């Protein structure tokens, strides 16, 4: 994670250096809107828009992962409850079988 942060900071530094070294005024057109501005602002705005887009994609993935983890934790809790119920039922059956048949009861299974 720290390596990714260092790489991102180095990339941001490279973009900033590029933008400052290419500071001439340019004319650009976007969706029928025309403007003149410094190339620095265009480059930095494009880099910022890319960072925001990447952040949004990462956020969506994080939310999906959190929802999936919550769903799996719920399924795990239900499965653990079912295991406990079945172990109790097995123990009860072994005890009743030993009482009825006079046989020695089997040892209950070790906890999982």
C-alpha atoms as a PDB file:
ATOM      1  CA  UNK A   1       0.000   0.000   0.000  1.00  0.00           C
ATOM      2  CA  UNK A   2       2.838   2.393   0.804  1.00  0.00           C
ATOM      3  CA  UNK A   3       4.533   1.560  -2.490  1.00  0.00           C
ATOM      4  CA  UNK A   4       1.361   2.497  -4.352  1.00  0.00           C
ATOM      5  CA  UNK A   5       1.242   5.820  -2.490  1.00  0.00           C
ATOM      6  CA  UNK A   6       4.875   6.571  -3.355  1.00  0.00           C
ATOM      7  CA  UNK A   7       4.237   5.768  -7.028  1.00  0.00           C
ATOM      8  CA  UNK A   8       1.148   7.994  -7.057  1.00  0.00           C
ATOM      9  CA  UNK A   9       3.090  10.856  -5.473  1.00  0.00           C
ATOM     10  CA  UNK A  10       5.907  10.486  -7.999  1.00  0.00           C
ATOM     11  CA  UNK A  11       3.380  10.530 -10.831  1.00  0.00           C
ATOM     12  CA  UNK A  12       1.724  13.647  -9.394  1.00  0.00           C
ATOM     13  CA  UNK A  13       5.122  15.317  -9.131  1.00  0.00           C
ATOM     14  CA  UNK A  14       5.907  14.437 -12.755  1.00  0.00           C
ATOM     15  CA  UNK A  15       2.569  15.889 -13.898  1.00  0.00           C
ATOM     16  CA  UNK A  16       3.177  19.081 -11.912  1.00  0.00           C
ATOM     17  CA  UNK A  17       6.689  19.500 -13.363  1.00  0.00           C
ATOM     18  CA  UNK A  18       5.358  18.910 -16.882  1.00  0.00           C
ATOM     19  CA  UNK A  19       2.565  21.411 -16.352  1.00  0.00           C
ATOM     20  CA  UNK A  20       4.856  24.129 -14.993  1.00  0.00           C
ATOM     21  CA  UNK A  21       7.373  23.674 -17.813  1.00  0.00           C
ATOM     22  CA  UNK A  22       4.582  23.998 -20.412  1.00  0.00           C
ATOM     23  CA  UNK A  23       2.888  27.124 -19.114  1.00  0.00           C
ATOM     24  CA  UNK A  24       1.957  28.744 -22.428  1.00  0.00           C
ATOM     25  CA  UNK A  25      -1.570  29.950 -23.082  1.00  0.00           C
ATOM     26  CA  UNK A  26      -3.735  27.657 -25.179  1.00  0.00           C
ATOM     27  CA  UNK A  27      -7.194  27.861 -26.668  1.00  0.00           C
ATOM     28  CA  UNK A  28      -9.449  24.865 -26.182  1.00  0.00           C
ATOM     29  CA  UNK A  29     -12.990  23.902 -27.034  1.00  0.00           C
ATOM     30  CA  UNK A  30     -15.150  21.611 -24.874  1.00  0.00           C
ATOM     31  CA  UNK A  31     -18.802  20.796 -25.652  1.00  0.00           C
ATOM     32  CA  UNK A  32     -19.170  23.936 -27.764  1.00  0.00           C
ATOM     33  CA  UNK A  33     -17.582  26.101 -25.094  1.00  0.00           C
ATOM     34  CA  UNK A  34     -14.344  27.831 -26.037  1.00  0.00           C
ATOM     35  CA  UNK A  35     -11.791  29.312 -23.687  1.00  0.00           C
ATOM     36  CA  UNK A  36      -8.197  30.401 -23.468  1.00  0.00           C
ATOM     37  CA  UNK A  37      -6.193  29.409 -20.441  1.00  0.00           C
ATOM     38  CA  UNK A  38      -2.778  28.260 -19.380  1.00  0.00           C
ATOM     39  CA  UNK A  39      -1.771  24.722 -20.269  1.00  0.00           C
ATOM     40  CA  UNK A  40      -0.903  24.266 -16.582  1.00  0.00           C
ATOM     41  CA  UNK A  41      -4.578  24.471 -15.624  1.00  0.00           C
ATOM     42  CA  UNK A  42      -5.661  22.091 -18.388  1.00  0.00           C
ATOM     43  CA  UNK A  43      -3.058  19.458 -17.454  1.00  0.00           C
ATOM     44  CA  UNK A  44      -3.719  19.739 -13.721  1.00  0.00           C
ATOM     45  CA  UNK A  45      -7.504  19.643 -14.246  1.00  0.00           C
ATOM     46  CA  UNK A  46      -7.182  16.524 -16.405  1.00  0.00           C
ATOM     47  CA  UNK A  47      -4.969  14.848 -13.797  1.00  0.00           C
ATOM     48  CA  UNK A  48      -7.407  15.805 -11.023  1.00  0.00           C
ATOM     49  CA  UNK A  49     -10.366  14.476 -13.037  1.00  0.00           C
ATOM     50  CA  UNK A  50      -8.506  11.204 -13.565  1.00  0.00           C
ATOM     51  CA  UNK A  51      -7.735  10.948  -9.852  1.00  0.00           C
ATOM     52  CA  UNK A  52     -11.378  11.576  -8.956  1.00  0.00           C
ATOM     53  CA  UNK A  53     -12.544   8.961 -11.473  1.00  0.00           C
ATOM     54  CA  UNK A  54     -10.075   6.398 -10.135  1.00  0.00           C
ATOM     55  CA  UNK A  55     -11.149   7.222  -6.579  1.00  0.00           C
ATOM     56  CA  UNK A  56     -14.811   6.699  -7.449  1.00  0.00           C
ATOM     57  CA  UNK A  57     -14.063   3.342  -9.056  1.00  0.00           C
ATOM     58  CA  UNK A  58     -12.105   2.328  -5.957  1.00  0.00           C
ATOM     59  CA  UNK A  59     -14.940   3.489  -3.715  1.00  0.00           C
ATOM     60  CA  UNK A  60     -17.482   1.410  -5.629  1.00  0.00           C
ATOM     61  CA  UNK A  61     -15.242  -1.663  -5.324  1.00  0.00           C
ATOM     62  CA  UNK A  62     -14.785  -1.005  -1.593  1.00  0.00           C
ATOM     63  CA  UNK A  63     -18.545  -0.739  -1.048  1.00  0.00           C
ATOM     64  CA  UNK A  64     -19.175  -3.956  -2.998  1.00  0.00           C
ATOM     65  CA  UNK A  65     -16.497  -5.752  -0.972  1.00  0.00           C
ATOM     66  CA  UNK A  66     -17.964  -4.509   2.309  1.00  0.00           C
ATOM     67  CA  UNK A  67     -21.440  -5.692   1.339  1.00  0.00           C
ATOM     68  CA  UNK A  68     -20.076  -9.093   0.289  1.00  0.00           C
ATOM     69  CA  UNK A  69     -18.144  -9.445   3.573  1.00  0.00           C
ATOM     70  CA  UNK A  70     -21.273  -8.599   5.562  1.00  0.00           C
ATOM     71  CA  UNK A  71     -23.274 -11.181   3.579  1.00  0.00           C
ATOM     72  CA  UNK A  72     -20.637 -13.876   4.109  1.00  0.00           C
ATOM     73  CA  UNK A  73     -20.384 -13.113   7.837  1.00  0.00           C
ATOM     74  CA  UNK A  74     -24.150 -13.553   8.121  1.00  0.00           C
ATOM     75  CA  UNK A  75     -23.977 -16.891   6.271  1.00  0.00           C
ATOM     76  CA  UNK A  76     -21.099 -18.005   8.507  1.00  0.00           C
ATOM     77  CA  UNK A  77     -23.052 -17.122  11.642  1.00  0.00           C
ATOM     78  CA  UNK A  78     -26.052 -19.134  10.398  1.00  0.00           C
ATOM     79  CA  UNK A  79     -23.808 -22.093   9.550  1.00  0.00           C
ATOM     80  CA  UNK A  80     -22.175 -21.999  12.991  1.00  0.00           C
ATOM     81  CA  UNK A  81     -25.599 -21.948  14.650  1.00  0.00           C
ATOM     82  CA  UNK A  82     -26.659 -24.930  12.516  1.00  0.00           C
ATOM     83  CA  UNK A  83     -23.499 -26.838  13.508  1.00  0.00           C
ATOM     84  CA  UNK A  84     -24.189 -26.171  17.195  1.00  0.00           C
ATOM     85  CA  UNK A  85     -27.800 -27.287  16.787  1.00  0.00           C
ATOM     86  CA  UNK A  86     -26.765 -30.489  15.010  1.00  0.00           C
ATOM     87  CA  UNK A  87     -24.088 -31.256  17.615  1.00  0.00           C
ATOM     88  CA  UNK A  88     -26.645 -30.852  20.385  1.00  0.00           C
ATOM     89  CA  UNK A  89     -29.088 -33.075  18.501  1.00  0.00           C
ATOM     90  CA  UNK A  90     -26.395 -35.723  17.983  1.00  0.00           C
ATOM     91  CA  UNK A  91     -25.472 -35.636  21.650  1.00  0.00           C
ATOM     92  CA  UNK A  92     -29.136 -35.991  22.627  1.00  0.00           C
ATOM     93  CA  UNK A  93     -29.613 -38.933  20.242  1.00  0.00           C
ATOM     94  CA  UNK A  94     -26.522 -40.665  21.583  1.00  0.00           C
ATOM     95  CA  UNK A  95     -27.709 -40.177  25.151  1.00  0.00           C
ATOM     96  CA  UNK A  96     -31.214 -41.480  24.421  1.00  0.00           C
ATOM     97  CA  UNK A  97     -29.802 -44.437  22.495  1.00  0.00           C
ATOM     98  CA  UNK A  98     -27.548 -45.324  25.418  1.00  0.00           C
ATOM     99  CA  UNK A  99     -30.471 -45.125  27.846  1.00  0.00           C
ATOM    100  CA  UNK A 100     -32.775 -47.259  25.670  1.00  0.00           C
ATOM    101  CA  UNK A 101     -30.332 -49.853  24.419  1.00  0.00           C
ATOM    102  CA  UNK A 102     -28.148 -50.111  27.479  1.00  0.00           C
ATOM    103  CA  UNK A 103     -25.116 -49.562  25.305  1.00  0.00           C
ATOM    104  CA  UNK A 104     -22.336 -47.233  26.259  1.00  0.00           C
ATOM    105  CA  UNK A 105     -22.853 -43.800  24.796  1.00  0.00           C
ATOM    106  CA  UNK A 106     -20.449 -42.661  22.148  1.00  0.00           C
ATOM    107  CA  UNK A 107     -18.265 -39.753  23.061  1.00  0.00           C
ATOM    108  CA  UNK A 108     -19.621 -36.505  21.652  1.00  0.00           C
ATOM    109  CA  UNK A 109     -17.470 -35.077  18.864  1.00  0.00           C
ATOM    110  CA  UNK A 110     -14.874 -32.506  19.757  1.00  0.00           C
ATOM    111  CA  UNK A 111     -15.839 -28.902  19.165  1.00  0.00           C
ATOM    112  CA  UNK A 112     -14.972 -27.686  15.708  1.00  0.00           C
END
